[in-house]
Amino acid sequence: MKKYLAYGANMSVEMMANRCPDAKLLGTGELKNFRLMFKGEQPSSYGTIEQWEGFCVPFVLWDISAADEKSLDRYEGYPRVYQKHTVEVEVNGEKFKAMYYSKPDTERVNPPSLHYVDVLWQAYERFGFDLAILQRALDFSCGDSF
C-alpha cells in the first residue's frame, strides 16, 4: 500500500469510495509551507499546491493500493495534467512519505467551478479544517469572482 495526500476533491470520502475502492482513510494533517490555489483553463481550473513559505494546506491521508493509484492517475490526468511528487507528513504522531499530485508551475491561476468549490467546502467542514485557508485560496485565484 502507498500513502496518498489529498488536498482537493479527493478529500471527499464518497468520491474516494467510488474512485479508489481499496483506499483507507488514515487521518488528517497540515502541510506546512505550501499554499493551496486553483490553476488551469476555465472551466477546468482545479486545486493545486505549491511550496510557499508561511502558508499551510490541510490534507487527508489515504492508504491506497496499486489499482487505486492507477485510477487516480487516470482521474488526475497524470502525467499530462498533474505531476506526482513525494513529501513527508505527520498524521496522528506518525511520519509517512506520501505521494501527491500538483499542476505545473507554468499553468495560469484561474477560478474553479462552483461545484468543485462546494466539494472542497464540504470536505473542509467534514474534517474541521480552517475554512479561511480555502477562502484565501479562492481570493488568490479568483480575485473578486467569489
N, C-alpha and C. Protein backbone atom coordinates (compact mmCIF):
# COMPACT_ATOMS: atom_id res chain seq x y z
N MET A 1 0.84 -1.18 0.00
CA MET A 1 0.00 0.00 0.00
C MET A 1 0.89 1.25 0.00
N LYS A 2 0.36 2.29 -0.63
CA LYS A 2 1.06 3.56 -0.76
C LYS A 2 0.26 4.65 -0.05
N LYS A 3 0.93 5.65 0.47
CA LYS A 3 0.26 6.77 1.12
C LYS A 3 -0.01 7.86 0.08
N TYR A 4 -1.24 8.38 0.11
CA TYR A 4 -1.66 9.41 -0.84
C TYR A 4 -2.21 10.60 -0.07
N LEU A 5 -1.66 11.77 -0.33
CA LEU A 5 -2.07 13.01 0.30
C LEU A 5 -3.07 13.73 -0.60
N ALA A 6 -4.29 13.91 -0.12
CA ALA A 6 -5.34 14.58 -0.88
C ALA A 6 -5.63 15.94 -0.25
N TYR A 7 -5.67 16.98 -1.08
CA TYR A 7 -5.96 18.33 -0.61
C TYR A 7 -7.11 18.96 -1.40
N GLY A 8 -7.62 18.25 -2.40
CA GLY A 8 -8.69 18.75 -3.26
C GLY A 8 -9.90 17.84 -3.19
N ALA A 9 -10.48 17.56 -4.35
CA ALA A 9 -11.72 16.76 -4.40
C ALA A 9 -11.54 15.37 -3.80
N ASN A 10 -10.33 14.85 -3.80
CA ASN A 10 -10.11 13.51 -3.26
C ASN A 10 -10.09 13.48 -1.73
N MET A 11 -10.41 14.62 -1.10
CA MET A 11 -10.67 14.61 0.34
C MET A 11 -12.08 14.08 0.59
N SER A 12 -12.91 14.04 -0.43
CA SER A 12 -14.28 13.55 -0.30
C SER A 12 -14.27 12.04 -0.10
N VAL A 13 -14.79 11.61 1.05
CA VAL A 13 -14.85 10.18 1.37
C VAL A 13 -15.71 9.44 0.35
N GLU A 14 -16.83 10.06 -0.05
CA GLU A 14 -17.73 9.43 -1.01
C GLU A 14 -17.09 9.28 -2.38
N MET A 15 -16.42 10.32 -2.85
CA MET A 15 -15.76 10.25 -4.16
C MET A 15 -14.63 9.23 -4.15
N MET A 16 -13.87 9.19 -3.07
CA MET A 16 -12.78 8.23 -2.99
C MET A 16 -13.30 6.80 -2.93
N ALA A 17 -14.44 6.59 -2.29
CA ALA A 17 -15.01 5.24 -2.22
C ALA A 17 -15.34 4.73 -3.62
N ASN A 18 -15.82 5.61 -4.48
CA ASN A 18 -16.13 5.23 -5.87
C ASN A 18 -14.87 5.11 -6.73
N ARG A 19 -13.97 6.04 -6.55
CA ARG A 19 -12.78 6.13 -7.40
C ARG A 19 -11.72 5.11 -7.00
N CYS A 20 -11.57 4.89 -5.71
CA CYS A 20 -10.50 4.05 -5.16
C CYS A 20 -11.07 3.13 -4.09
N PRO A 21 -11.68 2.03 -4.50
CA PRO A 21 -12.39 1.16 -3.54
C PRO A 21 -11.52 0.53 -2.46
N ASP A 22 -10.21 0.44 -2.69
CA ASP A 22 -9.33 -0.15 -1.68
C ASP A 22 -8.81 0.88 -0.67
N ALA A 23 -9.05 2.17 -0.92
CA ALA A 23 -8.48 3.25 -0.10
C ALA A 23 -8.99 3.20 1.34
N LYS A 24 -8.08 3.45 2.26
CA LYS A 24 -8.40 3.52 3.68
C LYS A 24 -7.96 4.88 4.21
N LEU A 25 -8.86 5.56 4.90
CA LEU A 25 -8.57 6.87 5.49
C LEU A 25 -7.64 6.68 6.68
N LEU A 26 -6.47 7.32 6.66
CA LEU A 26 -5.52 7.21 7.77
C LEU A 26 -5.63 8.37 8.75
N GLY A 27 -6.07 9.53 8.26
CA GLY A 27 -6.17 10.69 9.14
C GLY A 27 -5.99 11.97 8.36
N THR A 28 -5.82 13.06 9.11
CA THR A 28 -5.68 14.38 8.51
C THR A 28 -4.45 15.08 9.08
N GLY A 29 -4.06 16.14 8.41
CA GLY A 29 -2.94 16.93 8.88
C GLY A 29 -2.83 18.22 8.11
N GLU A 30 -1.75 18.95 8.36
CA GLU A 30 -1.48 20.20 7.65
C GLU A 30 -0.10 20.13 7.05
N LEU A 31 -0.03 20.48 5.80
CA LEU A 31 1.24 20.54 5.07
C LEU A 31 1.78 21.96 5.21
N LYS A 32 2.84 22.10 5.96
CA LYS A 32 3.42 23.42 6.25
C LYS A 32 4.22 23.93 5.05
N ASN A 33 4.18 25.24 4.90
CA ASN A 33 4.93 25.95 3.84
C ASN A 33 4.51 25.53 2.44
N PHE A 34 3.23 25.24 2.29
CA PHE A 34 2.59 25.01 0.99
C PHE A 34 1.35 25.89 0.94
N ARG A 35 0.97 26.27 -0.29
CA ARG A 35 -0.21 27.10 -0.48
C ARG A 35 -1.16 26.45 -1.46
N LEU A 36 -2.44 26.46 -1.11
CA LEU A 36 -3.49 25.98 -2.00
C LEU A 36 -3.86 27.09 -2.96
N MET A 37 -4.06 26.72 -4.24
CA MET A 37 -4.53 27.65 -5.26
C MET A 37 -5.23 26.85 -6.34
N PHE A 38 -5.80 27.53 -7.31
CA PHE A 38 -6.52 26.89 -8.39
C PHE A 38 -5.89 27.30 -9.71
N LYS A 39 -5.57 26.30 -10.53
CA LYS A 39 -4.91 26.57 -11.80
C LYS A 39 -5.57 25.79 -12.92
N GLY A 40 -5.41 26.30 -14.14
CA GLY A 40 -5.93 25.64 -15.32
C GLY A 40 -6.72 26.63 -16.15
N GLU A 41 -7.18 26.15 -17.27
CA GLU A 41 -8.02 26.97 -18.14
C GLU A 41 -9.47 26.77 -17.74
N GLN A 42 -10.21 27.85 -17.67
CA GLN A 42 -11.62 27.73 -17.32
C GLN A 42 -12.37 27.00 -18.41
N PRO A 43 -13.33 26.14 -18.13
CA PRO A 43 -13.89 25.90 -16.79
C PRO A 43 -13.21 24.76 -16.05
N SER A 44 -12.02 24.36 -16.43
CA SER A 44 -11.38 23.23 -15.77
C SER A 44 -10.18 23.66 -14.93
N SER A 45 -10.40 24.65 -14.09
CA SER A 45 -9.39 25.08 -13.13
C SER A 45 -9.62 24.28 -11.85
N TYR A 46 -8.55 23.63 -11.38
CA TYR A 46 -8.67 22.75 -10.21
C TYR A 46 -7.58 23.05 -9.21
N GLY A 47 -7.72 22.48 -8.02
CA GLY A 47 -6.78 22.72 -6.95
C GLY A 47 -5.39 22.20 -7.25
N THR A 48 -4.43 22.93 -6.74
CA THR A 48 -3.04 22.51 -6.77
C THR A 48 -2.36 23.13 -5.56
N ILE A 49 -1.20 22.63 -5.23
CA ILE A 49 -0.43 23.21 -4.13
C ILE A 49 0.98 23.49 -4.62
N GLU A 50 1.56 24.53 -4.03
CA GLU A 50 2.94 24.91 -4.32
C GLU A 50 3.63 25.25 -3.02
N GLN A 51 4.93 25.02 -2.98
CA GLN A 51 5.69 25.41 -1.80
C GLN A 51 5.63 26.92 -1.69
N TRP A 52 5.30 27.39 -0.48
CA TRP A 52 5.11 28.82 -0.27
C TRP A 52 5.28 29.09 1.22
N GLU A 53 6.35 29.74 1.57
CA GLU A 53 6.71 30.00 2.97
C GLU A 53 5.57 30.70 3.70
N GLY A 54 5.28 30.22 4.91
CA GLY A 54 4.32 30.87 5.77
C GLY A 54 2.87 30.43 5.59
N PHE A 55 2.58 29.55 4.64
CA PHE A 55 1.22 29.07 4.42
C PHE A 55 1.14 27.60 4.83
N CYS A 56 -0.09 27.07 4.90
CA CYS A 56 -0.27 25.66 5.16
C CYS A 56 -1.52 25.19 4.41
N VAL A 57 -1.55 23.89 4.14
CA VAL A 57 -2.66 23.28 3.41
C VAL A 57 -3.13 22.06 4.20
N PRO A 58 -4.41 22.04 4.57
CA PRO A 58 -4.95 20.84 5.22
C PRO A 58 -5.03 19.69 4.22
N PHE A 59 -4.86 18.48 4.72
CA PHE A 59 -4.92 17.32 3.82
C PHE A 59 -5.56 16.13 4.52
N VAL A 60 -5.99 15.20 3.69
CA VAL A 60 -6.47 13.90 4.14
C VAL A 60 -5.46 12.88 3.62
N LEU A 61 -5.02 11.99 4.48
CA LEU A 61 -4.06 10.97 4.08
C LEU A 61 -4.77 9.64 3.90
N TRP A 62 -4.56 9.04 2.74
CA TRP A 62 -5.17 7.75 2.38
C TRP A 62 -4.09 6.70 2.20
N ASP A 63 -4.43 5.48 2.52
CA ASP A 63 -3.63 4.30 2.17
C ASP A 63 -4.28 3.75 0.91
N ILE A 64 -3.54 3.67 -0.20
CA ILE A 64 -4.12 3.24 -1.47
C ILE A 64 -3.37 2.04 -2.04
N SER A 65 -4.08 1.23 -2.81
CA SER A 65 -3.49 0.09 -3.50
C SER A 65 -2.91 0.54 -4.84
N ALA A 66 -2.19 -0.36 -5.50
CA ALA A 66 -1.66 -0.07 -6.83
C ALA A 66 -2.80 0.20 -7.82
N ALA A 67 -3.90 -0.54 -7.69
CA ALA A 67 -5.06 -0.32 -8.56
C ALA A 67 -5.67 1.06 -8.30
N ASP A 68 -5.73 1.47 -7.03
CA ASP A 68 -6.24 2.80 -6.70
C ASP A 68 -5.35 3.87 -7.32
N GLU A 69 -4.04 3.69 -7.24
CA GLU A 69 -3.12 4.67 -7.81
C GLU A 69 -3.33 4.80 -9.32
N LYS A 70 -3.53 3.69 -10.01
CA LYS A 70 -3.80 3.76 -11.45
C LYS A 70 -5.09 4.52 -11.73
N SER A 71 -6.10 4.30 -10.91
CA SER A 71 -7.36 5.02 -11.04
C SER A 71 -7.15 6.52 -10.82
N LEU A 72 -6.36 6.87 -9.80
CA LEU A 72 -6.06 8.28 -9.54
C LEU A 72 -5.26 8.89 -10.68
N ASP A 73 -4.31 8.14 -11.22
CA ASP A 73 -3.52 8.64 -12.36
C ASP A 73 -4.44 9.03 -13.51
N ARG A 74 -5.43 8.18 -13.79
CA ARG A 74 -6.38 8.48 -14.87
C ARG A 74 -7.21 9.71 -14.51
N TYR A 75 -7.73 9.73 -13.31
CA TYR A 75 -8.58 10.83 -12.86
C TYR A 75 -7.83 12.16 -12.90
N GLU A 76 -6.58 12.16 -12.46
CA GLU A 76 -5.78 13.39 -12.38
C GLU A 76 -5.10 13.74 -13.71
N GLY A 77 -5.23 12.88 -14.71
CA GLY A 77 -4.60 13.16 -15.99
C GLY A 77 -3.08 13.10 -15.93
N TYR A 78 -2.57 12.24 -15.06
CA TYR A 78 -1.12 12.08 -14.92
C TYR A 78 -0.57 11.34 -16.14
N PRO A 79 0.52 11.79 -16.72
CA PRO A 79 1.41 12.90 -16.37
C PRO A 79 1.12 14.20 -17.15
N ARG A 80 0.07 14.19 -17.97
CA ARG A 80 -0.21 15.34 -18.83
C ARG A 80 -0.72 16.56 -18.06
N VAL A 81 -1.69 16.36 -17.14
CA VAL A 81 -2.32 17.48 -16.44
C VAL A 81 -1.68 17.72 -15.08
N TYR A 82 -1.50 16.67 -14.31
CA TYR A 82 -0.89 16.76 -12.99
C TYR A 82 0.41 15.97 -12.96
N GLN A 83 1.33 16.42 -12.12
CA GLN A 83 2.60 15.72 -11.89
C GLN A 83 2.54 15.08 -10.50
N LYS A 84 3.38 14.08 -10.28
CA LYS A 84 3.45 13.42 -8.97
C LYS A 84 4.68 13.89 -8.21
N HIS A 85 4.50 14.01 -6.90
CA HIS A 85 5.59 14.40 -6.01
C HIS A 85 5.47 13.58 -4.73
N THR A 86 6.51 13.60 -3.93
CA THR A 86 6.50 12.92 -2.64
C THR A 86 6.91 13.92 -1.57
N VAL A 87 6.26 13.82 -0.43
CA VAL A 87 6.55 14.70 0.69
C VAL A 87 6.41 13.90 1.99
N GLU A 88 7.13 14.31 3.01
CA GLU A 88 6.99 13.65 4.32
C GLU A 88 5.96 14.43 5.13
N VAL A 89 5.01 13.68 5.72
CA VAL A 89 3.95 14.30 6.52
C VAL A 89 3.82 13.56 7.84
N GLU A 90 3.13 14.21 8.77
CA GLU A 90 2.86 13.59 10.06
C GLU A 90 1.35 13.53 10.28
N VAL A 91 0.87 12.35 10.65
CA VAL A 91 -0.54 12.13 10.96
C VAL A 91 -0.61 11.30 12.23
N ASN A 92 -1.34 11.80 13.20
CA ASN A 92 -1.50 11.10 14.48
C ASN A 92 -0.16 10.73 15.12
N GLY A 93 0.81 11.64 15.02
CA GLY A 93 2.12 11.43 15.63
C GLY A 93 3.04 10.49 14.87
N GLU A 94 2.60 10.00 13.71
CA GLU A 94 3.40 9.08 12.91
C GLU A 94 3.80 9.76 11.60
N LYS A 95 5.05 9.55 11.17
CA LYS A 95 5.54 10.16 9.93
C LYS A 95 5.39 9.19 8.77
N PHE A 96 5.01 9.76 7.62
CA PHE A 96 4.82 8.98 6.40
C PHE A 96 5.41 9.72 5.21
N LYS A 97 5.87 8.97 4.23
CA LYS A 97 6.17 9.54 2.92
C LYS A 97 4.90 9.36 2.10
N ALA A 98 4.42 10.47 1.56
CA ALA A 98 3.15 10.43 0.84
C ALA A 98 3.31 11.03 -0.55
N MET A 99 2.56 10.47 -1.48
CA MET A 99 2.53 10.95 -2.85
C MET A 99 1.38 11.95 -2.98
N TYR A 100 1.61 13.00 -3.77
CA TYR A 100 0.54 13.93 -4.08
C TYR A 100 0.69 14.39 -5.53
N TYR A 101 -0.40 14.91 -6.07
CA TYR A 101 -0.40 15.44 -7.43
C TYR A 101 -0.43 16.96 -7.36
N SER A 102 0.24 17.61 -8.31
CA SER A 102 0.13 19.07 -8.44
C SER A 102 0.29 19.46 -9.90
N LYS A 103 -0.26 20.61 -10.21
CA LYS A 103 -0.17 21.14 -11.58
C LYS A 103 1.19 21.79 -11.77
N PRO A 104 1.65 21.87 -13.02
CA PRO A 104 2.94 22.53 -13.28
C PRO A 104 2.90 24.00 -12.87
N ASP A 105 4.03 24.52 -12.43
CA ASP A 105 4.13 25.92 -12.02
C ASP A 105 3.78 26.88 -13.15
N THR A 106 3.89 26.42 -14.39
CA THR A 106 3.67 27.28 -15.54
C THR A 106 2.20 27.52 -15.86
N GLU A 107 1.29 26.76 -15.25
CA GLU A 107 -0.14 26.95 -15.53
C GLU A 107 -0.66 28.23 -14.89
N ARG A 108 -1.69 28.78 -15.49
CA ARG A 108 -2.29 30.03 -15.01
C ARG A 108 -3.22 29.80 -13.82
N VAL A 109 -3.20 30.74 -12.90
CA VAL A 109 -4.14 30.75 -11.79
C VAL A 109 -5.48 31.23 -12.33
N ASN A 110 -6.56 30.49 -12.02
CA ASN A 110 -7.90 30.82 -12.51
C ASN A 110 -8.94 30.31 -11.53
N PRO A 111 -10.15 30.88 -11.56
CA PRO A 111 -11.22 30.41 -10.66
C PRO A 111 -11.69 29.00 -11.00
N PRO A 112 -12.01 28.20 -9.98
CA PRO A 112 -12.60 26.87 -10.19
C PRO A 112 -14.11 26.99 -10.37
N SER A 113 -14.75 25.89 -10.71
CA SER A 113 -16.22 25.87 -10.83
C SER A 113 -16.85 25.91 -9.44
N LEU A 114 -18.08 26.35 -9.38
CA LEU A 114 -18.80 26.37 -8.10
C LEU A 114 -18.98 24.97 -7.54
N HIS A 115 -19.20 23.99 -8.43
CA HIS A 115 -19.34 22.60 -7.97
C HIS A 115 -18.06 22.12 -7.29
N TYR A 116 -16.92 22.41 -7.90
CA TYR A 116 -15.64 21.99 -7.32
C TYR A 116 -15.43 22.65 -5.96
N VAL A 117 -15.74 23.94 -5.86
CA VAL A 117 -15.60 24.64 -4.59
C VAL A 117 -16.50 24.00 -3.54
N ASP A 118 -17.71 23.63 -3.92
CA ASP A 118 -18.65 23.00 -2.99
C ASP A 118 -18.10 21.68 -2.45
N VAL A 119 -17.48 20.88 -3.31
CA VAL A 119 -16.88 19.60 -2.88
C VAL A 119 -15.79 19.87 -1.84
N LEU A 120 -14.94 20.86 -2.11
CA LEU A 120 -13.87 21.18 -1.15
C LEU A 120 -14.45 21.74 0.14
N TRP A 121 -15.44 22.62 0.02
CA TRP A 121 -16.05 23.24 1.20
C TRP A 121 -16.62 22.16 2.12
N GLN A 122 -17.31 21.19 1.52
CA GLN A 122 -17.90 20.10 2.31
C GLN A 122 -16.82 19.29 3.02
N ALA A 123 -15.71 19.02 2.33
CA ALA A 123 -14.61 18.27 2.95
C ALA A 123 -13.99 19.07 4.09
N TYR A 124 -13.80 20.36 3.89
CA TYR A 124 -13.24 21.21 4.94
C TYR A 124 -14.14 21.17 6.18
N GLU A 125 -15.44 21.27 5.95
CA GLU A 125 -16.37 21.22 7.09
C GLU A 125 -16.37 19.84 7.75
N ARG A 126 -16.37 18.79 6.95
CA ARG A 126 -16.40 17.43 7.49
C ARG A 126 -15.21 17.15 8.40
N PHE A 127 -14.02 17.60 7.99
CA PHE A 127 -12.80 17.29 8.74
C PHE A 127 -12.41 18.40 9.71
N GLY A 128 -13.20 19.46 9.77
CA GLY A 128 -12.91 20.54 10.72
C GLY A 128 -11.73 21.40 10.32
N PHE A 129 -11.45 21.48 9.03
CA PHE A 129 -10.35 22.32 8.56
C PHE A 129 -10.75 23.79 8.60
N ASP A 130 -9.77 24.65 8.69
CA ASP A 130 -9.99 26.10 8.73
C ASP A 130 -10.48 26.58 7.36
N LEU A 131 -11.75 27.01 7.30
CA LEU A 131 -12.33 27.47 6.04
C LEU A 131 -11.63 28.73 5.51
N ALA A 132 -10.95 29.47 6.37
CA ALA A 132 -10.23 30.66 5.92
C ALA A 132 -9.12 30.29 4.94
N ILE A 133 -8.55 29.09 5.07
CA ILE A 133 -7.50 28.66 4.13
C ILE A 133 -8.08 28.49 2.74
N LEU A 134 -9.25 27.86 2.67
CA LEU A 134 -9.93 27.70 1.38
C LEU A 134 -10.33 29.06 0.82
N GLN A 135 -10.84 29.94 1.67
CA GLN A 135 -11.25 31.27 1.21
C GLN A 135 -10.05 32.05 0.68
N ARG A 136 -8.90 31.96 1.35
CA ARG A 136 -7.69 32.65 0.87
C ARG A 136 -7.26 32.12 -0.50
N ALA A 137 -7.39 30.80 -0.69
CA ALA A 137 -7.05 30.21 -1.99
C ALA A 137 -7.99 30.73 -3.07
N LEU A 138 -9.26 30.85 -2.75
CA LEU A 138 -10.23 31.39 -3.70
C LEU A 138 -9.94 32.85 -4.00
N ASP A 139 -9.65 33.63 -2.97
CA ASP A 139 -9.33 35.05 -3.17
C ASP A 139 -8.09 35.21 -4.05
N PHE A 140 -7.08 34.40 -3.78
CA PHE A 140 -5.83 34.45 -4.55
C PHE A 140 -6.05 34.09 -6.01
N SER A 141 -6.88 33.07 -6.24
CA SER A 141 -7.07 32.54 -7.59
C SER A 141 -8.18 33.23 -8.36
N CYS A 142 -9.09 33.88 -7.66
CA CYS A 142 -10.29 34.40 -8.31
C CYS A 142 -10.43 35.91 -8.25
N GLY A 143 -9.67 36.55 -7.41
CA GLY A 143 -9.88 37.99 -7.24
C GLY A 143 -11.26 38.22 -6.66
N ASP A 144 -12.05 39.05 -7.31
CA ASP A 144 -13.40 39.37 -6.83
C ASP A 144 -14.46 38.45 -7.37
N SER A 145 -14.08 37.35 -8.03
CA SER A 145 -15.05 36.46 -8.65
C SER A 145 -15.88 35.68 -7.64
N PHE A 146 -15.36 35.47 -6.43
CA PHE A 146 -16.09 34.68 -5.42
C PHE A 146 -16.44 35.58 -4.26
